[in-house]
Amino acid sequence: MIGRKINLQDAILAQVDMPYAFSQSSLNGFYSCPAKWALSRTNEYRSSPDTSHLRLGIMVHNTIDKHFKMFSGSADPEVLRRMIQNLFDSEWRTSGVYELESKYKKCVKSFIDFEIFRQAHWKEYKPTQTEYRFKYELDGFKYSGIVDLWGEEDSIMIDWKTSKDTKLNVSHLRQAEIYRRSKPNVKTVIFVCLGSGSILTAPAMPPTWLTEQTQVFADAIKSGVFERKRQWCRSCEEVWACEFNDVYLWGDHPW
């Protein structure tokens, strides 16, 4: 309800067990805007994502995973291209996100081009694991997540993105560091941005960098103090809840 005062500290602490299991999405969500992250955790306010883009992303990830489960070896580049295209087209017909056809076609082309390149240059084309789930603890903080692809022979992790990113940003670096520490001796973490066709390789950060990033988040959860980053307010679905968080309706006032 607009105008209802909520106690963010109580709302967050009631839903987050400490030590909290940090994921790349929660960590990056917090740094994007701490107040938005906090409000999205409460029962009063829930974000409504763009479901068409979300459904396309899920379809693309699921189809890629299905490809690796079905395909067990190497193939002539043109055969590989047709196999992947046919599999995607069969999934697309029931996707229900036909308004995003141009984005879909770009993502499929980028994936095919990358896989032909990867087959030619990696030691082992078949991934060691796909949709690899992990949990671990580092410096007293727990982390969890899902790695899209892990190739042990090449010591490379891949995250597929349907975004149009062309440059690395700090969100990529946080995600890469969380992923990098989920396995011993990970050489490379790359982001394959299917919407742009870009391949972004994340550099290794200093040993304490991830812990320092996480500590800021943990301190906010414990204190219940969540800063607003106003540069994102115009496009934020939580803006009304955020602006009126400290406003009382007459009937709700403690007088």
Protein backbone atom coordinates (compact mmCIF):
# COMPACT_ATOMS: atom_id res chain seq x y z
CA MET A 1 0.00 0.00 0.00
CA ILE A 2 1.46 3.42 -0.93
CA GLY A 3 2.05 5.49 2.19
CA ARG A 4 2.43 2.54 4.53
CA LYS A 5 5.57 2.78 6.64
CA ILE A 6 7.64 -0.40 6.70
CA ASN A 7 10.56 -1.24 8.92
CA LEU A 8 13.17 -2.36 6.41
CA GLN A 9 15.47 -3.74 9.05
CA ASP A 10 12.82 -6.07 10.49
CA ALA A 11 11.56 -7.03 7.02
CA ILE A 12 15.03 -7.96 5.76
CA LEU A 13 16.27 -9.70 8.87
CA ALA A 14 13.08 -11.77 9.06
CA GLN A 15 13.75 -13.19 5.60
CA VAL A 16 17.56 -13.43 5.52
CA ASP A 17 19.38 -15.92 7.70
CA MET A 18 22.88 -14.83 8.57
CA PRO A 19 25.33 -15.93 7.46
CA TYR A 20 23.44 -15.33 4.23
CA ALA A 21 24.37 -17.40 1.13
CA PHE A 22 25.42 -14.69 -1.31
CA SER A 23 24.87 -15.17 -5.05
CA GLN A 24 26.05 -13.07 -7.95
CA SER A 25 22.49 -11.85 -8.57
CA SER A 26 21.94 -10.74 -4.96
CA LEU A 27 25.38 -9.11 -4.71
CA ASN A 28 24.97 -7.25 -8.00
CA GLY A 29 21.36 -6.37 -7.17
CA PHE A 30 22.50 -4.80 -3.92
CA TYR A 31 25.24 -2.75 -5.59
CA SER A 32 22.90 -1.61 -8.34
CA CYS A 33 20.69 -0.01 -5.67
CA PRO A 34 20.70 -1.15 -2.02
CA ALA A 35 17.23 0.31 -1.37
CA LYS A 36 15.70 -1.47 -4.37
CA TRP A 37 17.24 -4.77 -3.28
CA ALA A 38 15.87 -4.32 0.25
CA LEU A 39 12.36 -3.43 -0.93
CA SER A 40 12.29 -6.37 -3.33
CA ARG A 41 12.95 -8.69 -0.36
CA THR A 42 9.87 -7.59 1.56
CA ASN A 43 6.39 -9.09 1.22
CA GLU A 44 4.90 -5.63 0.71
CA TYR A 45 6.72 -5.00 -2.57
CA ARG A 46 7.72 -7.52 -5.20
CA SER A 47 9.39 -6.68 -8.50
CA SER A 48 7.68 -7.72 -11.74
CA PRO A 49 10.39 -8.47 -14.31
CA ASP A 50 9.89 -8.13 -18.04
CA THR A 51 8.54 -11.64 -18.49
CA SER A 52 9.08 -11.84 -22.28
CA HIS A 53 12.82 -11.15 -22.02
CA LEU A 54 13.06 -13.42 -18.99
CA ARG A 55 11.27 -16.24 -20.82
CA LEU A 56 13.53 -15.85 -23.84
CA GLY A 57 16.59 -16.01 -21.60
CA ILE A 58 15.33 -19.17 -19.93
CA MET A 59 14.51 -20.74 -23.29
CA VAL A 60 17.98 -19.95 -24.67
CA HIS A 61 19.74 -21.35 -21.57
CA ASN A 62 17.60 -24.50 -21.54
CA THR A 63 18.15 -25.11 -25.25
CA ILE A 64 21.91 -24.71 -24.90
CA ASP A 65 21.90 -27.18 -22.02
CA LYS A 66 19.80 -29.61 -24.09
CA HIS A 67 22.27 -29.31 -26.97
CA PHE A 68 25.17 -30.41 -24.79
CA LYS A 69 23.19 -33.30 -23.35
CA MET A 70 22.21 -34.53 -26.82
CA PHE A 71 25.51 -33.95 -28.64
CA SER A 72 28.35 -36.15 -27.46
CA GLY A 73 31.23 -35.41 -29.82
CA SER A 74 32.54 -33.18 -32.58
CA ALA A 75 31.09 -32.59 -36.03
CA ASP A 76 31.77 -30.82 -39.29
CA PRO A 77 31.11 -27.08 -38.73
CA GLU A 78 28.16 -27.02 -41.12
CA VAL A 79 26.65 -30.11 -39.53
CA LEU A 80 27.07 -28.54 -36.09
CA ARG A 81 25.46 -25.34 -37.37
CA ARG A 82 22.39 -27.19 -38.69
CA MET A 83 22.04 -29.30 -35.54
CA ILE A 84 22.03 -26.26 -33.28
CA GLN A 85 19.74 -24.24 -35.55
CA ASN A 86 17.19 -27.06 -35.81
CA LEU A 87 17.17 -27.58 -32.05
CA PHE A 88 16.64 -23.88 -31.37
CA ASP A 89 13.92 -23.59 -33.99
CA SER A 90 11.99 -26.48 -32.44
CA GLU A 91 12.11 -24.77 -29.05
CA TRP A 92 11.27 -21.36 -30.50
CA ARG A 93 7.99 -22.55 -32.00
CA THR A 94 6.51 -23.05 -28.53
CA SER A 95 8.34 -20.19 -26.76
CA GLY A 96 5.50 -17.66 -26.88
CA VAL A 97 7.90 -14.69 -27.12
CA TYR A 98 7.60 -14.10 -30.86
CA GLU A 99 7.82 -10.32 -30.43
CA LEU A 100 11.51 -10.86 -29.61
CA GLU A 101 12.29 -12.73 -32.83
CA SER A 102 15.14 -10.42 -33.87
CA LYS A 103 16.82 -10.85 -30.48
CA TYR A 104 16.28 -14.60 -30.66
CA LYS A 105 17.89 -14.83 -34.12
CA LYS A 106 20.90 -12.81 -32.98
CA CYS A 107 21.38 -15.00 -29.90
CA VAL A 108 21.22 -18.20 -31.95
CA LYS A 109 23.67 -16.91 -34.57
CA SER A 110 26.10 -15.79 -31.86
CA PHE A 111 25.90 -19.15 -30.10
CA ILE A 112 26.47 -21.11 -33.32
CA ASP A 113 29.45 -18.95 -34.31
CA PHE A 114 30.98 -19.30 -30.85
CA GLU A 115 30.48 -23.06 -30.72
CA ILE A 116 32.12 -23.55 -34.13
CA PHE A 117 35.05 -21.47 -32.89
CA ARG A 118 35.15 -23.33 -29.57
CA GLN A 119 35.11 -26.75 -31.25
CA ALA A 120 38.11 -25.71 -33.34
CA HIS A 121 40.17 -24.24 -30.50
CA TRP A 122 39.32 -25.96 -27.21
CA LYS A 123 41.08 -29.15 -26.18
CA GLU A 124 37.73 -30.78 -25.35
CA TYR A 125 34.46 -29.65 -26.93
CA LYS A 126 32.14 -31.66 -24.68
CA PRO A 127 31.72 -29.73 -21.39
CA THR A 128 32.67 -31.41 -18.13
CA GLN A 129 29.51 -29.98 -16.54
CA THR A 130 26.61 -27.77 -17.56
CA GLU A 131 24.28 -25.95 -15.16
CA TYR A 132 26.80 -26.75 -12.42
CA ARG A 133 25.43 -25.85 -8.97
CA PHE A 134 27.86 -24.89 -6.24
CA LYS A 135 28.02 -23.87 -2.60
CA TYR A 136 31.15 -22.92 -0.69
CA GLU A 137 32.44 -20.70 2.10
CA LEU A 138 35.15 -18.06 1.83
CA ASP A 139 36.42 -15.84 4.66
CA GLY A 140 33.29 -16.54 6.71
CA PHE A 141 30.83 -15.77 3.88
CA LYS A 142 28.76 -18.42 2.12
CA TYR A 143 28.31 -18.32 -1.66
CA SER A 144 26.02 -20.23 -4.03
CA GLY A 145 25.19 -20.18 -7.70
CA ILE A 146 24.97 -21.98 -11.02
CA VAL A 147 27.73 -22.04 -13.66
CA ASP A 148 26.40 -22.48 -17.19
CA LEU A 149 29.41 -24.43 -18.48
CA TRP A 150 32.61 -25.82 -16.97
CA GLY A 151 35.34 -27.30 -19.15
CA GLU A 152 37.88 -28.98 -16.91
CA GLU A 153 40.36 -29.87 -19.66
CA ASP A 154 40.62 -26.21 -20.69
CA SER A 155 39.96 -24.89 -17.14
CA ILE A 156 37.38 -22.42 -18.45
CA MET A 157 33.96 -21.40 -17.13
CA ILE A 158 31.33 -19.86 -19.40
CA ASP A 159 28.28 -17.78 -18.55
CA TRP A 160 25.79 -17.32 -21.39
CA LYS A 161 24.06 -13.94 -21.47
CA THR A 162 21.33 -12.80 -23.84
CA SER A 163 22.35 -9.19 -23.21
CA LYS A 164 23.99 -6.80 -25.67
CA ASP A 165 26.97 -6.13 -23.41
CA THR A 166 30.19 -5.30 -25.25
CA LYS A 167 32.41 -4.30 -22.31
CA LEU A 168 33.15 -5.74 -18.91
CA ASN A 169 31.74 -3.94 -15.89
CA VAL A 170 32.05 -4.45 -12.16
CA SER A 171 28.94 -6.69 -12.11
CA HIS A 172 30.75 -9.11 -14.40
CA LEU A 173 33.78 -9.03 -12.11
CA ARG A 174 31.73 -9.90 -9.00
CA GLN A 175 30.05 -12.78 -10.81
CA ALA A 176 33.37 -14.04 -12.19
CA GLU A 177 35.03 -14.00 -8.77
CA ILE A 178 32.17 -15.95 -7.16
CA TYR A 179 32.35 -18.50 -9.98
CA ARG A 180 36.15 -18.68 -10.07
CA ARG A 181 36.37 -19.81 -6.45
CA SER A 182 33.81 -22.61 -6.86
CA LYS A 183 36.46 -24.87 -8.41
CA PRO A 184 40.19 -25.23 -7.83
CA ASN A 185 42.56 -23.89 -10.49
CA VAL A 186 40.03 -22.10 -12.70
CA LYS A 187 42.09 -20.43 -15.39
CA THR A 188 39.47 -18.34 -17.18
CA VAL A 189 35.90 -17.08 -16.72
CA ILE A 190 34.25 -15.72 -19.85
CA PHE A 191 30.89 -14.14 -20.57
CA VAL A 192 29.44 -14.93 -23.99
CA CYS A 193 27.00 -12.10 -24.68
CA LEU A 194 24.74 -13.60 -27.31
CA GLY A 195 22.79 -10.40 -27.90
CA SER A 196 25.91 -8.61 -29.14
CA GLY A 197 28.18 -11.48 -30.15
CA SER A 198 30.84 -10.26 -27.71
CA ILE A 199 33.12 -12.56 -25.71
CA LEU A 200 34.25 -10.92 -22.47
CA THR A 201 37.10 -12.42 -20.45
CA ALA A 202 37.11 -11.45 -16.77
CA PRO A 203 40.51 -10.78 -15.19
CA ALA A 204 41.30 -12.28 -11.80
CA MET A 205 40.80 -9.74 -9.00
CA PRO A 206 43.00 -9.36 -5.88
CA PRO A 207 42.52 -12.16 -3.29
CA THR A 208 40.53 -10.05 -0.80
CA TRP A 209 38.42 -8.14 -3.33
CA LEU A 210 35.34 -10.40 -3.23
CA THR A 211 35.36 -10.50 0.58
CA GLU A 212 35.53 -6.70 0.74
CA GLN A 213 32.62 -6.38 -1.71
CA THR A 214 30.55 -8.86 0.28
CA GLN A 215 31.34 -7.23 3.63
CA VAL A 216 29.62 -4.00 2.56
CA PHE A 217 26.47 -5.98 1.69
CA ALA A 218 26.56 -7.97 4.93
CA ASP A 219 26.96 -4.78 7.00
CA ALA A 220 23.88 -3.28 5.32
CA ILE A 221 21.80 -6.38 6.08
CA LYS A 222 22.85 -6.30 9.74
CA SER A 223 22.21 -2.57 10.14
CA GLY A 224 19.05 -2.35 8.02
CA VAL A 225 20.41 0.79 6.33
CA PHE A 226 20.02 0.69 2.54
CA GLU A 227 21.12 3.65 0.44
CA ARG A 228 19.09 4.88 -2.53
CA LYS A 229 20.93 5.37 -5.82
CA ARG A 230 18.75 7.98 -7.44
CA GLN A 231 20.23 7.78 -10.94
CA TRP A 232 18.12 4.63 -11.54
CA CYS A 233 14.84 5.89 -10.03
CA ARG A 234 13.03 6.72 -13.28
CA SER A 235 13.22 3.14 -14.54
CA CYS A 236 12.80 1.42 -11.16
CA GLU A 237 9.66 -0.62 -10.42
CA GLU A 238 10.17 0.03 -6.68
CA VAL A 239 10.20 3.82 -7.00
CA TRP A 240 6.78 4.42 -5.36
CA ALA A 241 7.52 2.13 -2.45
CA CYS A 242 10.90 3.78 -2.04
CA GLU A 243 9.70 7.40 -2.23
CA PHE A 244 6.80 6.88 0.18
CA ASN A 245 8.47 4.49 2.60
CA ASP A 246 8.60 7.14 5.37
CA VAL A 247 5.10 8.59 4.69
CA TYR A 248 2.13 7.69 6.88
CA LEU A 249 -1.49 7.49 5.91
CA TRP A 250 -3.65 9.19 8.58
CA GLY A 251 -5.02 5.86 9.74
CA ASP A 252 -1.55 4.33 10.09
CA HIS A 253 0.04 7.19 12.04
CA PRO A 254 1.25 6.20 15.54
CA TRP A 255 -0.41 9.24 17.14
